[in-house]
Amino acid sequence: MIYHLPWPPSVNQYWRAVSGRNILSAKARAWKKLAEQSLMLSRPAPVYGPAIVIIHLFPPTKRKYDIDNRVKAILDLLVKCGILQEDDNEHVVQLIVKHIAVCPDNSGAKVTVMPCHHTD
């Protein structure tokens, strides 16, 4: 299955410490709400067992970013929405993340999730 999501927040902007607890930041909550709506519109299909996840990132600007900082929000969302059982190494056996051209009018992430029938 292929899913189109809004541009994910950086993991550096994802959590906020409040009264000694880590909670989702306002930016993360807003992204999560939009991303969940986007996923639900595409009628997500769960992948049971090992999976391959391919993430194409279409940034909104030419500004540099740490590519791995955008992945956590996406994987957490796939688990929360029931597409992946977990985002650990037993369930995500291959993860490919690609930076694609800057896309100011249509930034976001294209996420492909496929079952993996062997774990070579």
PDB file of N, CA and C in Angstrom:
ATOM      1  N   MET A   1       0.835  -1.184   0.000  1.00  0.00           N
ATOM      2  CA  MET A   1       0.000   0.000   0.000  1.00  0.00           C
ATOM      3  C   MET A   1       0.881   1.248   0.000  1.00  0.00           C
ATOM      4  N   ILE A   2       0.380   2.279  -0.637  1.00  0.00           N
ATOM      5  CA  ILE A   2       1.080   3.563  -0.695  1.00  0.00           C
ATOM      6  C   ILE A   2       0.212   4.615   0.001  1.00  0.00           C
ATOM      7  N   TYR A   3       0.853   5.396   0.862  1.00  0.00           N
ATOM      8  CA  TYR A   3       0.154   6.429   1.619  1.00  0.00           C
ATOM      9  C   TYR A   3       0.850   7.766   1.401  1.00  0.00           C
ATOM     10  N   HIS A   4       0.077   8.825   1.309  1.00  0.00           N
ATOM     11  CA  HIS A   4       0.612  10.180   1.164  1.00  0.00           C
ATOM     12  C   HIS A   4       0.316  10.949   2.450  1.00  0.00           C
ATOM     13  N   LEU A   5       1.376  11.452   3.063  1.00  0.00           N
ATOM     14  CA  LEU A   5       1.261  12.138   4.343  1.00  0.00           C
ATOM     15  C   LEU A   5       1.807  13.556   4.245  1.00  0.00           C
ATOM     16  N   PRO A   6       1.355  14.437   5.129  1.00  0.00           N
ATOM     17  CA  PRO A   6       1.943  15.778   5.169  1.00  0.00           C
ATOM     18  C   PRO A   6       3.397  15.696   5.646  1.00  0.00           C
ATOM     19  N   TRP A   7       4.147  16.766   5.407  1.00  0.00           N
ATOM     20  CA  TRP A   7       5.552  16.835   5.813  1.00  0.00           C
ATOM     21  C   TRP A   7       5.651  16.597   7.321  1.00  0.00           C
ATOM     22  N   PRO A   8       6.387  15.542   7.729  1.00  0.00           N
ATOM     23  CA  PRO A   8       6.437  15.205   9.155  1.00  0.00           C
ATOM     24  C   PRO A   8       7.319  16.157   9.956  1.00  0.00           C
ATOM     25  N   PRO A   9       6.980  16.344  11.220  1.00  0.00           N
ATOM     26  CA  PRO A   9       7.822  17.184  12.077  1.00  0.00           C
ATOM     27  C   PRO A   9       9.123  16.450  12.401  1.00  0.00           C
ATOM     28  N   SER A  10      10.142  17.213  12.714  1.00  0.00           N
ATOM     29  CA  SER A  10      11.404  16.644  13.160  1.00  0.00           C
ATOM     30  C   SER A  10      11.206  16.035  14.538  1.00  0.00           C
ATOM     31  N   VAL A  11      11.944  14.997  14.830  1.00  0.00           N
ATOM     32  CA  VAL A  11      11.872  14.395  16.157  1.00  0.00           C
ATOM     33  C   VAL A  11      12.282  15.423  17.216  1.00  0.00           C
ATOM     34  N   ASN A  12      13.102  16.399  16.832  1.00  0.00           N
ATOM     35  CA  ASN A  12      13.501  17.458  17.760  1.00  0.00           C
ATOM     36  C   ASN A  12      12.333  18.364  18.139  1.00  0.00           C
ATOM     37  N   GLN A  13      11.295  18.409  17.305  1.00  0.00           N
ATOM     38  CA  GLN A  13      10.115  19.238  17.570  1.00  0.00           C
ATOM     39  C   GLN A  13       8.917  18.394  18.014  1.00  0.00           C
ATOM     40  N   TYR A  14       9.104  17.097  18.124  1.00  0.00           N
ATOM     41  CA  TYR A  14       8.004  16.174  18.352  1.00  0.00           C
ATOM     42  C   TYR A  14       7.563  16.110  19.816  1.00  0.00           C
ATOM     43  N   TRP A  15       8.512  16.143  20.737  1.00  0.00           N
ATOM     44  CA  TRP A  15       8.217  15.981  22.158  1.00  0.00           C
ATOM     45  C   TRP A  15       8.499  17.255  22.923  1.00  0.00           C
ATOM     46  N   ARG A  16       7.752  17.474  23.991  1.00  0.00           N
ATOM     47  CA  ARG A  16       7.973  18.581  24.916  1.00  0.00           C
ATOM     48  C   ARG A  16       7.897  18.022  26.335  1.00  0.00           C
ATOM     49  N   ALA A  17       8.788  18.497  27.189  1.00  0.00           N
ATOM     50  CA  ALA A  17       8.764  18.095  28.596  1.00  0.00           C
ATOM     51  C   ALA A  17       7.837  19.033  29.355  1.00  0.00           C
ATOM     52  N   VAL A  18       6.847  18.454  30.022  1.00  0.00           N
ATOM     53  CA  VAL A  18       5.893  19.225  30.819  1.00  0.00           C
ATOM     54  C   VAL A  18       5.734  18.518  32.163  1.00  0.00           C
ATOM     55  N   SER A  19       6.063  19.211  33.215  1.00  0.00           N
ATOM     56  CA  SER A  19       5.948  18.663  34.582  1.00  0.00           C
ATOM     57  C   SER A  19       6.641  17.304  34.706  1.00  0.00           C
ATOM     58  N   GLY A  20       7.830  17.192  34.107  1.00  0.00           N
ATOM     59  CA  GLY A  20       8.599  15.959  34.213  1.00  0.00           C
ATOM     60  C   GLY A  20       8.142  14.830  33.304  1.00  0.00           C
ATOM     61  N   ARG A  21       7.158  15.095  32.457  1.00  0.00           N
ATOM     62  CA  ARG A  21       6.663  14.072  31.515  1.00  0.00           C
ATOM     63  C   ARG A  21       6.912  14.549  30.092  1.00  0.00           C
ATOM     64  N   ASN A  22       7.163  13.616  29.192  1.00  0.00           N
ATOM     65  CA  ASN A  22       7.269  13.960  27.779  1.00  0.00           C
ATOM     66  C   ASN A  22       5.900  13.804  27.131  1.00  0.00           C
ATOM     67  N   ILE A  23       5.458  14.855  26.453  1.00  0.00           N
ATOM     68  CA  ILE A  23       4.189  14.809  25.737  1.00  0.00           C
ATOM     69  C   ILE A  23       4.420  15.287  24.313  1.00  0.00           C
ATOM     70  N   LEU A  24       3.493  14.971  23.434  1.00  0.00           N
ATOM     71  CA  LEU A  24       3.593  15.455  22.055  1.00  0.00           C
ATOM     72  C   LEU A  24       3.463  16.974  22.038  1.00  0.00           C
ATOM     73  N   SER A  25       4.282  17.611  21.232  1.00  0.00           N
ATOM     74  CA  SER A  25       4.197  19.061  21.088  1.00  0.00           C
ATOM     75  C   SER A  25       2.932  19.423  20.315  1.00  0.00           C
ATOM     76  N   ALA A  26       2.556  20.685  20.356  1.00  0.00           N
ATOM     77  CA  ALA A  26       1.384  21.142  19.596  1.00  0.00           C
ATOM     78  C   ALA A  26       1.590  20.890  18.108  1.00  0.00           C
ATOM     79  N   LYS A  27       2.805  21.118  17.621  1.00  0.00           N
ATOM     80  CA  LYS A  27       3.116  20.878  16.204  1.00  0.00           C
ATOM     81  C   LYS A  27       2.952  19.397  15.861  1.00  0.00           C
ATOM     82  N   ALA A  28       3.419  18.529  16.739  1.00  0.00           N
ATOM     83  CA  ALA A  28       3.302  17.086  16.508  1.00  0.00           C
ATOM     84  C   ALA A  28       1.838  16.643  16.527  1.00  0.00           C
ATOM     85  N   ARG A  29       1.058  17.179  17.476  1.00  0.00           N
ATOM     86  CA  ARG A  29      -0.369  16.820  17.540  1.00  0.00           C
ATOM     87  C   ARG A  29      -1.110  17.263  16.284  1.00  0.00           C
ATOM     88  N   ALA A  30      -0.792  18.459  15.790  1.00  0.00           N
ATOM     89  CA  ALA A  30      -1.444  18.960  14.567  1.00  0.00           C
ATOM     90  C   ALA A  30      -1.080  18.083  13.377  1.00  0.00           C
ATOM     91  N   TRP A  31       0.206  17.725  13.265  1.00  0.00           N
ATOM     92  CA  TRP A  31       0.638  16.866  12.157  1.00  0.00           C
ATOM     93  C   TRP A  31      -0.036  15.501  12.252  1.00  0.00           C
ATOM     94  N   LYS A  32      -0.048  14.944  13.459  1.00  0.00           N
ATOM     95  CA  LYS A  32      -0.621  13.614  13.670  1.00  0.00           C
ATOM     96  C   LYS A  32      -2.091  13.579  13.273  1.00  0.00           C
ATOM     97  N   LYS A  33      -2.835  14.620  13.619  1.00  0.00           N
ATOM     98  CA  LYS A  33      -4.259  14.683  13.263  1.00  0.00           C
ATOM     99  C   LYS A  33      -4.435  14.698  11.738  1.00  0.00           C
ATOM    100  N   LEU A  34      -3.679  15.554  11.051  1.00  0.00           N
ATOM    101  CA  LEU A  34      -3.761  15.613   9.584  1.00  0.00           C
ATOM    102  C   LEU A  34      -3.329  14.301   8.946  1.00  0.00           C
ATOM    103  N   ALA A  35      -2.237  13.729   9.458  1.00  0.00           N
ATOM    104  CA  ALA A  35      -1.704  12.492   8.887  1.00  0.00           C
ATOM    105  C   ALA A  35      -2.676  11.328   9.097  1.00  0.00           C
ATOM    106  N   GLU A  36      -3.300  11.254  10.278  1.00  0.00           N
ATOM    107  CA  GLU A  36      -4.284  10.194  10.533  1.00  0.00           C
ATOM    108  C   GLU A  36      -5.469  10.320   9.582  1.00  0.00           C
ATOM    109  N   GLN A  37      -5.936  11.541   9.355  1.00  0.00           N
ATOM    110  CA  GLN A  37      -7.049  11.757   8.423  1.00  0.00           C
ATOM    111  C   GLN A  37      -6.653  11.307   7.021  1.00  0.00           C
ATOM    112  N   SER A  38      -5.443  11.644   6.617  1.00  0.00           N
ATOM    113  CA  SER A  38      -4.953  11.245   5.300  1.00  0.00           C
ATOM    114  C   SER A  38      -4.890   9.721   5.172  1.00  0.00           C
ATOM    115  N   LEU A  39      -4.390   9.061   6.202  1.00  0.00           N
ATOM    116  CA  LEU A  39      -4.318   7.598   6.174  1.00  0.00           C
ATOM    117  C   LEU A  39      -5.702   6.969   6.120  1.00  0.00           C
ATOM    118  N   MET A  40      -6.620   7.469   6.929  1.00  0.00           N
ATOM    119  CA  MET A  40      -7.955   6.880   6.982  1.00  0.00           C
ATOM    120  C   MET A  40      -8.690   7.019   5.643  1.00  0.00           C
ATOM    121  N   LEU A  41      -8.432   8.099   4.922  1.00  0.00           N
ATOM    122  CA  LEU A  41      -9.053   8.279   3.604  1.00  0.00           C
ATOM    123  C   LEU A  41      -8.585   7.222   2.609  1.00  0.00           C
ATOM    124  N   SER A  42      -7.372   6.723   2.802  1.00  0.00           N
ATOM    125  CA  SER A  42      -6.848   5.723   1.872  1.00  0.00           C
ATOM    126  C   SER A  42      -7.162   4.292   2.314  1.00  0.00           C
ATOM    127  N   ARG A  43      -7.967   4.164   3.355  1.00  0.00           N
ATOM    128  CA  ARG A  43      -8.384   2.846   3.863  1.00  0.00           C
ATOM    129  C   ARG A  43      -7.180   1.923   4.046  1.00  0.00           C
ATOM    130  N   PRO A  44      -6.395   2.177   5.079  1.00  0.00           N
ATOM    131  CA  PRO A  44      -5.151   1.431   5.257  1.00  0.00           C
ATOM    132  C   PRO A  44      -5.356  -0.063   5.462  1.00  0.00           C
ATOM    133  N   ALA A  45      -4.432  -0.819   4.901  1.00  0.00           N
ATOM    134  CA  ALA A  45      -4.451  -2.272   5.051  1.00  0.00           C
ATOM    135  C   ALA A  45      -3.326  -2.674   5.997  1.00  0.00           C
ATOM    136  N   PRO A  46      -3.644  -3.414   7.052  1.00  0.00           N
ATOM    137  CA  PRO A  46      -2.587  -3.823   7.976  1.00  0.00           C
ATOM    138  C   PRO A  46      -1.644  -4.838   7.345  1.00  0.00           C
ATOM    139  N   VAL A  47      -0.391  -4.774   7.769  1.00  0.00           N
ATOM    140  CA  VAL A  47       0.603  -5.760   7.372  1.00  0.00           C
ATOM    141  C   VAL A  47       0.930  -6.554   8.625  1.00  0.00           C
ATOM    142  N   TYR A  48       0.661  -7.839   8.582  1.00  0.00           N
ATOM    143  CA  TYR A  48       0.940  -8.699   9.722  1.00  0.00           C
ATOM    144  C   TYR A  48       2.288  -9.366   9.503  1.00  0.00           C
ATOM    145  N   GLY A  49       3.131  -9.313  10.503  1.00  0.00           N
ATOM    146  CA  GLY A  49       4.454  -9.910  10.383  1.00  0.00           C
ATOM    147  C   GLY A  49       5.451  -8.923   9.801  1.00  0.00           C
ATOM    148  N   PRO A  50       6.582  -9.425   9.302  1.00  0.00           N
ATOM    149  CA  PRO A  50       7.645  -8.559   8.799  1.00  0.00           C
ATOM    150  C   PRO A  50       7.188  -7.697   7.617  1.00  0.00           C
ATOM    151  N   ALA A  51       7.718  -6.475   7.583  1.00  0.00           N
ATOM    152  CA  ALA A  51       7.345  -5.546   6.514  1.00  0.00           C
ATOM    153  C   ALA A  51       8.567  -4.781   6.017  1.00  0.00           C
ATOM    154  N   ILE A  52       8.428  -4.274   4.812  1.00  0.00           N
ATOM    155  CA  ILE A  52       9.392  -3.353   4.215  1.00  0.00           C
ATOM    156  C   ILE A  52       8.697  -2.003   4.134  1.00  0.00           C
ATOM    157  N   VAL A  53       9.369  -0.958   4.601  1.00  0.00           N
ATOM    158  CA  VAL A  53       8.809   0.389   4.563  1.00  0.00           C
ATOM    159  C   VAL A  53       9.738   1.268   3.731  1.00  0.00           C
ATOM    160  N   ILE A  54       9.163   1.925   2.745  1.00  0.00           N
ATOM    161  CA  ILE A  54       9.917   2.852   1.887  1.00  0.00           C
ATOM    162  C   ILE A  54       9.287   4.234   2.049  1.00  0.00           C
ATOM    163  N   ILE A  55      10.119   5.203   2.414  1.00  0.00           N
ATOM    164  CA  ILE A  55       9.638   6.566   2.644  1.00  0.00           C
ATOM    165  C   ILE A  55      10.337   7.505   1.679  1.00  0.00           C
ATOM    166  N   HIS A  56       9.562   8.195   0.848  1.00  0.00           N
ATOM    167  CA  HIS A  56      10.072   9.242  -0.033  1.00  0.00           C
ATOM    168  C   HIS A  56       9.696  10.582   0.591  1.00  0.00           C
ATOM    169  N   LEU A  57      10.695  11.399   0.877  1.00  0.00           N
ATOM    170  CA  LEU A  57      10.456  12.696   1.510  1.00  0.00           C
ATOM    171  C   LEU A  57      10.521  13.815   0.481  1.00  0.00           C
ATOM    172  N   PHE A  58       9.497  14.630   0.455  1.00  0.00           N
ATOM    173  CA  PHE A  58       9.396  15.784  -0.436  1.00  0.00           C
ATOM    174  C   PHE A  58       9.372  17.039   0.438  1.00  0.00           C
ATOM    175  N   PRO A  59      10.540  17.616   0.749  1.00  0.00           N
ATOM    176  CA  PRO A  59      10.575  18.748   1.680  1.00  0.00           C
ATOM    177  C   PRO A  59       9.955  20.012   1.097  1.00  0.00           C
ATOM    178  N   PRO A  60       9.476  20.892   1.984  1.00  0.00           N
ATOM    179  CA  PRO A  60       8.838  22.126   1.528  1.00  0.00           C
ATOM    180  C   PRO A  60       9.830  23.214   1.120  1.00  0.00           C
ATOM    181  N   THR A  61      11.089  23.090   1.584  1.00  0.00           N
ATOM    182  CA  THR A  61      12.105  24.106   1.274  1.00  0.00           C
ATOM    183  C   THR A  61      13.442  23.426   0.979  1.00  0.00           C
ATOM    184  N   LYS A  62      14.415  24.233   0.558  1.00  0.00           N
ATOM    185  CA  LYS A  62      15.760  23.724   0.296  1.00  0.00           C
ATOM    186  C   LYS A  62      16.607  23.634   1.565  1.00  0.00           C
ATOM    187  N   ARG A  63      16.032  24.017   2.664  1.00  0.00           N
ATOM    188  CA  ARG A  63      16.745  23.997   3.939  1.00  0.00           C
ATOM    189  C   ARG A  63      17.221  22.578   4.268  1.00  0.00           C
ATOM    190  N   LYS A  64      18.450  22.460   4.790  1.00  0.00           N
ATOM    191  CA  LYS A  64      18.978  21.162   5.177  1.00  0.00           C
ATOM    192  C   LYS A  64      18.187  20.602   6.357  1.00  0.00           C
ATOM    193  N   TYR A  65      18.072  19.283   6.415  1.00  0.00           N
ATOM    194  CA  TYR A  65      17.411  18.620   7.533  1.00  0.00           C
ATOM    195  C   TYR A  65      18.052  17.255   7.729  1.00  0.00           C
ATOM    196  N   ASP A  66      17.987  16.753   8.947  1.00  0.00           N
ATOM    197  CA  ASP A  66      18.455  15.391   9.219  1.00  0.00           C
ATOM    198  C   ASP A  66      17.371  14.430   8.752  1.00  0.00           C
ATOM    199  N   ILE A  67      17.698  13.627   7.771  1.00  0.00           N
ATOM    200  CA  ILE A  67      16.701  12.752   7.146  1.00  0.00           C
ATOM    201  C   ILE A  67      16.097  11.766   8.147  1.00  0.00           C
ATOM    202  N   ASP A  68      16.908  11.291   9.101  1.00  0.00           N
ATOM    203  CA  ASP A  68      16.388  10.324  10.061  1.00  0.00           C
ATOM    204  C   ASP A  68      15.436  10.948  11.077  1.00  0.00           C
ATOM    205  N   ASN A  69      15.492  12.255  11.266  1.00  0.00           N
ATOM    206  CA  ASN A  69      14.596  12.919  12.214  1.00  0.00           C
ATOM    207  C   ASN A  69      13.148  12.954  11.736  1.00  0.00           C
ATOM    208  N   ARG A  70      12.898  12.672  10.485  1.00  0.00           N
ATOM    209  CA  ARG A  70      11.528  12.701   9.948  1.00  0.00           C
ATOM    210  C   ARG A  70      10.866  11.321   9.987  1.00  0.00           C
ATOM    211  N   VAL A  71      11.644  10.287  10.260  1.00  0.00           N
ATOM    212  CA  VAL A  71      11.150   8.915  10.163  1.00  0.00           C
ATOM    213  C   VAL A  71      10.324   8.490  11.376  1.00  0.00           C
ATOM    214  N   LYS A  72      10.727   8.882  12.575  1.00  0.00           N
ATOM    215  CA  LYS A  72      10.057   8.415  13.795  1.00  0.00           C
ATOM    216  C   LYS A  72       8.564   8.723  13.799  1.00  0.00           C
ATOM    217  N   ALA A  73       8.204   9.951  13.457  1.00  0.00           N
ATOM    218  CA  ALA A  73       6.786  10.326  13.459  1.00  0.00           C
ATOM    219  C   ALA A  73       5.991   9.433  12.497  1.00  0.00           C
ATOM    220  N   ILE A  74       6.576   9.142  11.344  1.00  0.00           N
ATOM    221  CA  ILE A  74       5.887   8.319  10.344  1.00  0.00           C
ATOM    222  C   ILE A  74       5.705   6.892  10.845  1.00  0.00           C
ATOM    223  N   LEU A  75       6.761   6.283  11.366  1.00  0.00           N
ATOM    224  CA  LEU A  75       6.653   4.903  11.851  1.00  0.00           C
ATOM    225  C   LEU A  75       5.696   4.802  13.033  1.00  0.00           C
ATOM    226  N   ASP A  76       5.761   5.757  13.952  1.00  0.00           N
ATOM    227  CA  ASP A  76       4.824   5.753  15.086  1.00  0.00           C
ATOM    228  C   ASP A  76       3.379   5.843  14.608  1.00  0.00           C
ATOM    229  N   LEU A  77       3.138   6.652  13.595  1.00  0.00           N
ATOM    230  CA  LEU A  77       1.786   6.792  13.049  1.00  0.00           C
ATOM    231  C   LEU A  77       1.310   5.484  12.412  1.00  0.00           C
ATOM    232  N   LEU A  78       2.191   4.807  11.670  1.00  0.00           N
ATOM    233  CA  LEU A  78       1.819   3.532  11.038  1.00  0.00           C
ATOM    234  C   LEU A  78       1.424   2.493  12.085  1.00  0.00           C
ATOM    235  N   VAL A  79       2.096   2.507  13.230  1.00  0.00           N
ATOM    236  CA  VAL A  79       1.749   1.582  14.310  1.00  0.00           C
ATOM    237  C   VAL A  79       0.414   1.992  14.938  1.00  0.00           C
ATOM    238  N   LYS A  80       0.270   3.281  15.255  1.00  0.00           N
ATOM    239  CA  LYS A  80      -0.960   3.752  15.903  1.00  0.00           C
ATOM    240  C   LYS A  80      -2.197   3.470  15.052  1.00  0.00           C
ATOM    241  N   CYS A  81      -2.059   3.592  13.738  1.00  0.00           N
ATOM    242  CA  CYS A  81      -3.199   3.380  12.838  1.00  0.00           C
ATOM    243  C   CYS A  81      -3.382   1.909  12.453  1.00  0.00           C
ATOM    244  N   GLY A  82      -2.561   1.022  13.009  1.00  0.00           N
ATOM    245  CA  GLY A  82      -2.742  -0.413  12.782  1.00  0.00           C
ATOM    246  C   GLY A  82      -2.193  -0.936  11.473  1.00  0.00           C
ATOM    247  N   ILE A  83      -1.394  -0.144  10.778  1.00  0.00           N
ATOM    248  CA  ILE A  83      -0.807  -0.613   9.519  1.00  0.00           C
ATOM    249  C   ILE A  83       0.362  -1.543   9.809  1.00  0.00           C
ATOM    250  N   LEU A  84       1.193  -1.171  10.770  1.00  0.00           N
ATOM    251  CA  LEU A  84       2.263  -2.040  11.261  1.00  0.00           C
ATOM    252  C   LEU A  84       1.895  -2.504  12.661  1.00  0.00           C
ATOM    253  N   GLN A  85       2.272  -3.738  13.004  1.00  0.00           N
ATOM    254  CA  GLN A  85       2.044  -4.219  14.361  1.00  0.00           C
ATOM    255  C   GLN A  85       2.948  -3.471  15.337  1.00  0.00           C
ATOM    256  N   GLU A  86       4.193  -3.291  14.980  1.00  0.00           N
ATOM    257  CA  GLU A  86       5.201  -2.582  15.766  1.00  0.00           C
ATOM    258  C   GLU A  86       6.197  -1.981  14.794  1.00  0.00           C
ATOM    259  N   ASP A  87       7.052  -1.092  15.301  1.00  0.00           N
ATOM    260  CA  ASP A  87       8.093  -0.541  14.423  1.00  0.00           C
ATOM    261  C   ASP A  87       9.481  -1.007  14.862  1.00  0.00           C
ATOM    262  N   ASP A  88       9.527  -2.181  15.498  1.00  0.00           N
ATOM    263  CA  ASP A  88      10.805  -2.740  15.910  1.00  0.00           C
ATOM    264  C   ASP A  88      11.443  -3.542  14.769  1.00  0.00           C
ATOM    265  N   ASN A  89      12.633  -4.077  15.028  1.00  0.00           N
ATOM    266  CA  ASN A  89      13.380  -4.776  13.982  1.00  0.00           C
ATOM    267  C   ASN A  89      12.774  -6.117  13.574  1.00  0.00           C
ATOM    268  N   GLU A  90      11.862  -6.666  14.346  1.00  0.00           N
ATOM    269  CA  GLU A  90      11.193  -7.895  13.935  1.00  0.00           C
ATOM    270  C   GLU A  90      10.053  -7.614  12.960  1.00  0.00           C
ATOM    271  N   HIS A  91       9.491  -6.418  13.027  1.00  0.00           N
ATOM    272  CA  HIS A  91       8.346  -6.079  12.182  1.00  0.00           C
ATOM    273  C   HIS A  91       8.731  -5.201  11.001  1.00  0.00           C
ATOM    274  N   VAL A  92       9.722  -4.351  11.152  1.00  0.00           N
ATOM    275  CA  VAL A  92      10.242  -3.557  10.032  1.00  0.00           C
ATOM    276  C   VAL A  92      11.634  -4.112   9.731  1.00  0.00           C
ATOM    277  N   VAL A  93      11.695  -5.001   8.750  1.00  0.00           N
ATOM    278  CA  VAL A  93      12.966  -5.674   8.459  1.00  0.00           C
ATOM    279  C   VAL A  93      13.798  -4.914   7.433  1.00  0.00           C
ATOM    280  N   GLN A  94      13.165  -3.995   6.744  1.00  0.00           N
ATOM    281  CA  GLN A  94      13.902  -3.134   5.821  1.00  0.00           C
ATOM    282  C   GLN A  94      13.228  -1.767   5.808  1.00  0.00           C
ATOM    283  N   LEU A  95      14.050  -0.728   5.924  1.00  0.00           N
ATOM    284  CA  LEU A  95      13.558   0.642   5.916  1.00  0.00           C
ATOM    285  C   LEU A  95      14.414   1.428   4.933  1.00  0.00           C
ATOM    286  N   ILE A  96      13.774   1.992   3.940  1.00  0.00           N
ATOM    287  CA  ILE A  96      14.462   2.798   2.935  1.00  0.00           C
ATOM    288  C   ILE A  96      13.883   4.201   3.006  1.00  0.00           C
ATOM    289  N   VAL A  97      14.753   5.188   3.145  1.00  0.00           N
ATOM    290  CA  VAL A  97      14.323   6.579   3.214  1.00  0.00           C
ATOM    291  C   VAL A  97      15.061   7.345   2.132  1.00  0.00           C
ATOM    292  N   LYS A  98      14.315   8.036   1.280  1.00  0.00           N
ATOM    293  CA  LYS A  98      14.898   8.777   0.166  1.00  0.00           C
ATOM    294  C   LYS A  98      14.465  10.239   0.203  1.00  0.00           C
ATOM    295  N   HIS A  99      15.426  11.106   0.019  1.00  0.00           N
ATOM    296  CA  HIS A  99      15.136  12.537  -0.142  1.00  0.00           C
ATOM    297  C   HIS A  99      14.856  12.754  -1.625  1.00  0.00           C
ATOM    298  N   ILE A 100      13.726  13.375  -1.931  1.00  0.00           N
ATOM    299  CA  ILE A 100      13.345  13.664  -3.304  1.00  0.00           C
ATOM    300  C   ILE A 100      13.364  15.182  -3.462  1.00  0.00           C
ATOM    301  N   ALA A 101      13.127  15.664  -4.632  1.00  0.00           N
ATOM    302  CA  ALA A 101      13.202  17.096  -4.925  1.00  0.00           C
ATOM    303  C   ALA A 101      12.321  17.927  -3.998  1.00  0.00           C
ATOM    304  N   VAL A 102      12.765  19.164  -3.774  1.00  0.00           N
ATOM    305  CA  VAL A 102      11.979  20.123  -2.999  1.00  0.00           C
ATOM    306  C   VAL A 102      10.639  20.324  -3.699  1.00  0.00           C
ATOM    307  N   CYS A 103       9.585  20.357  -2.900  1.00  0.00           N
ATOM    308  CA  CYS A 103       8.244  20.426  -3.466  1.00  0.00           C
ATOM    309  C   CYS A 103       7.393  21.387  -2.624  1.00  0.00           C
ATOM    310  N   PRO A 104       7.619  22.710  -2.757  1.00  0.00           N
ATOM    311  CA  PRO A 104       6.952  23.667  -1.867  1.00  0.00           C
ATOM    312  C   PRO A 104       5.427  23.608  -1.907  1.00  0.00           C
ATOM    313  N   ASP A 105       4.838  23.313  -3.048  1.00  0.00           N
ATOM    314  CA  ASP A 105       3.378  23.291  -3.159  1.00  0.00           C
ATOM    315  C   ASP A 105       2.767  21.949  -2.793  1.00  0.00           C
ATOM    316  N   ASN A 106       3.593  20.922  -2.686  1.00  0.00           N
ATOM    317  CA  ASN A 106       3.068  19.587  -2.420  1.00  0.00           C
ATOM    318  C   ASN A 106       4.067  18.796  -1.581  1.00  0.00           C
ATOM    319  N   SER A 107       4.566  19.401  -0.511  1.00  0.00           N
ATOM    320  CA  SER A 107       5.554  18.715   0.318  1.00  0.00           C
ATOM    321  C   SER A 107       4.877  17.608   1.116  1.00  0.00           C
ATOM    322  N   GLY A 108       5.677  16.688   1.591  1.00  0.00           N
ATOM    323  CA  GLY A 108       5.143  15.607   2.406  1.00  0.00           C
ATOM    324  C   GLY A 108       5.974  14.361   2.287  1.00  0.00           C
ATOM    325  N   ALA A 109       5.329  13.237   2.517  1.00  0.00           N
ATOM    326  CA  ALA A 109       6.000  11.944   2.452  1.00  0.00           C
ATOM    327  C   ALA A 109       5.104  10.953   1.733  1.00  0.00           C
ATOM    328  N   LYS A 110       5.717  10.197   0.848  1.00  0.00           N
ATOM    329  CA  LYS A 110       5.018   9.071   0.222  1.00  0.00           C
ATOM    330  C   LYS A 110       5.568   7.823   0.893  1.00  0.00           C
ATOM    331  N   VAL A 111       4.686   7.061   1.509  1.00  0.00           N
ATOM    332  CA  VAL A 111       5.104   5.917   2.314  1.00  0.00           C
ATOM    333  C   VAL A 111       4.527   4.640   1.703  1.00  0.00           C
ATOM    334  N   THR A 112       5.408   3.704   1.412  1.00  0.00           N
ATOM    335  CA  THR A 112       5.004   2.407   0.878  1.00  0.00           C
ATOM    336  C   THR A 112       5.274   1.350   1.944  1.00  0.00           C
ATOM    337  N   VAL A 113       4.282   0.534   2.231  1.00  0.00           N
ATOM    338  CA  VAL A 113       4.422  -0.547   3.213  1.00  0.00           C
ATOM    339  C   VAL A 113       4.062  -1.853   2.513  1.00  0.00           C
ATOM    340  N   MET A 114       5.005  -2.791   2.554  1.00  0.00           N
ATOM    341  CA  MET A 114       4.800  -4.080   1.884  1.00  0.00           C
ATOM    342  C   MET A 114       5.140  -5.225   2.839  1.00  0.00           C
ATOM    343  N   PRO A 115       4.390  -6.307   2.757  1.00  0.00           N
ATOM    344  CA  PRO A 115       4.784  -7.474   3.551  1.00  0.00           C
ATOM    345  C   PRO A 115       6.091  -8.046   3.021  1.00  0.00           C
ATOM    346  N   CYS A 116       6.877  -8.587   3.916  1.00  0.00           N
ATOM    347  CA  CYS A 116       8.137  -9.231   3.541  1.00  0.00           C
ATOM    348  C   CYS A 116       7.978 -10.714   3.853  1.00  0.00           C
ATOM    349  N   HIS A 117       8.078 -11.536   2.838  1.00  0.00           N
ATOM    350  CA  HIS A 117       7.822 -12.968   3.028  1.00  0.00           C
ATOM    351  C   HIS A 117       9.053 -13.744   3.437  1.00  0.00           C
ATOM    352  N   HIS A 118      10.197 -13.073   3.414  1.00  0.00           N
ATOM    353  CA  HIS A 118      11.423 -13.695   3.920  1.00  0.00           C
ATOM    354  C   HIS A 118      12.287 -12.609   4.528  1.00  0.00           C
ATOM    355  N   THR A 119      13.171 -12.978   5.425  1.00  0.00           N
ATOM    356  CA  THR A 119      13.973 -11.996   6.144  1.00  0.00           C
ATOM    357  C   THR A 119      15.462 -12.133   5.838  1.00  0.00           C
ATOM    358  N   ASP A 120      15.789 -12.250   4.581  1.00  0.00           N
ATOM    359  CA  ASP A 120      17.214 -12.369   4.186  1.00  0.00           C
ATOM    360  C   ASP A 120      17.950 -11.096   4.454  1.00  0.00           C
TER     361      ASP A 120
END
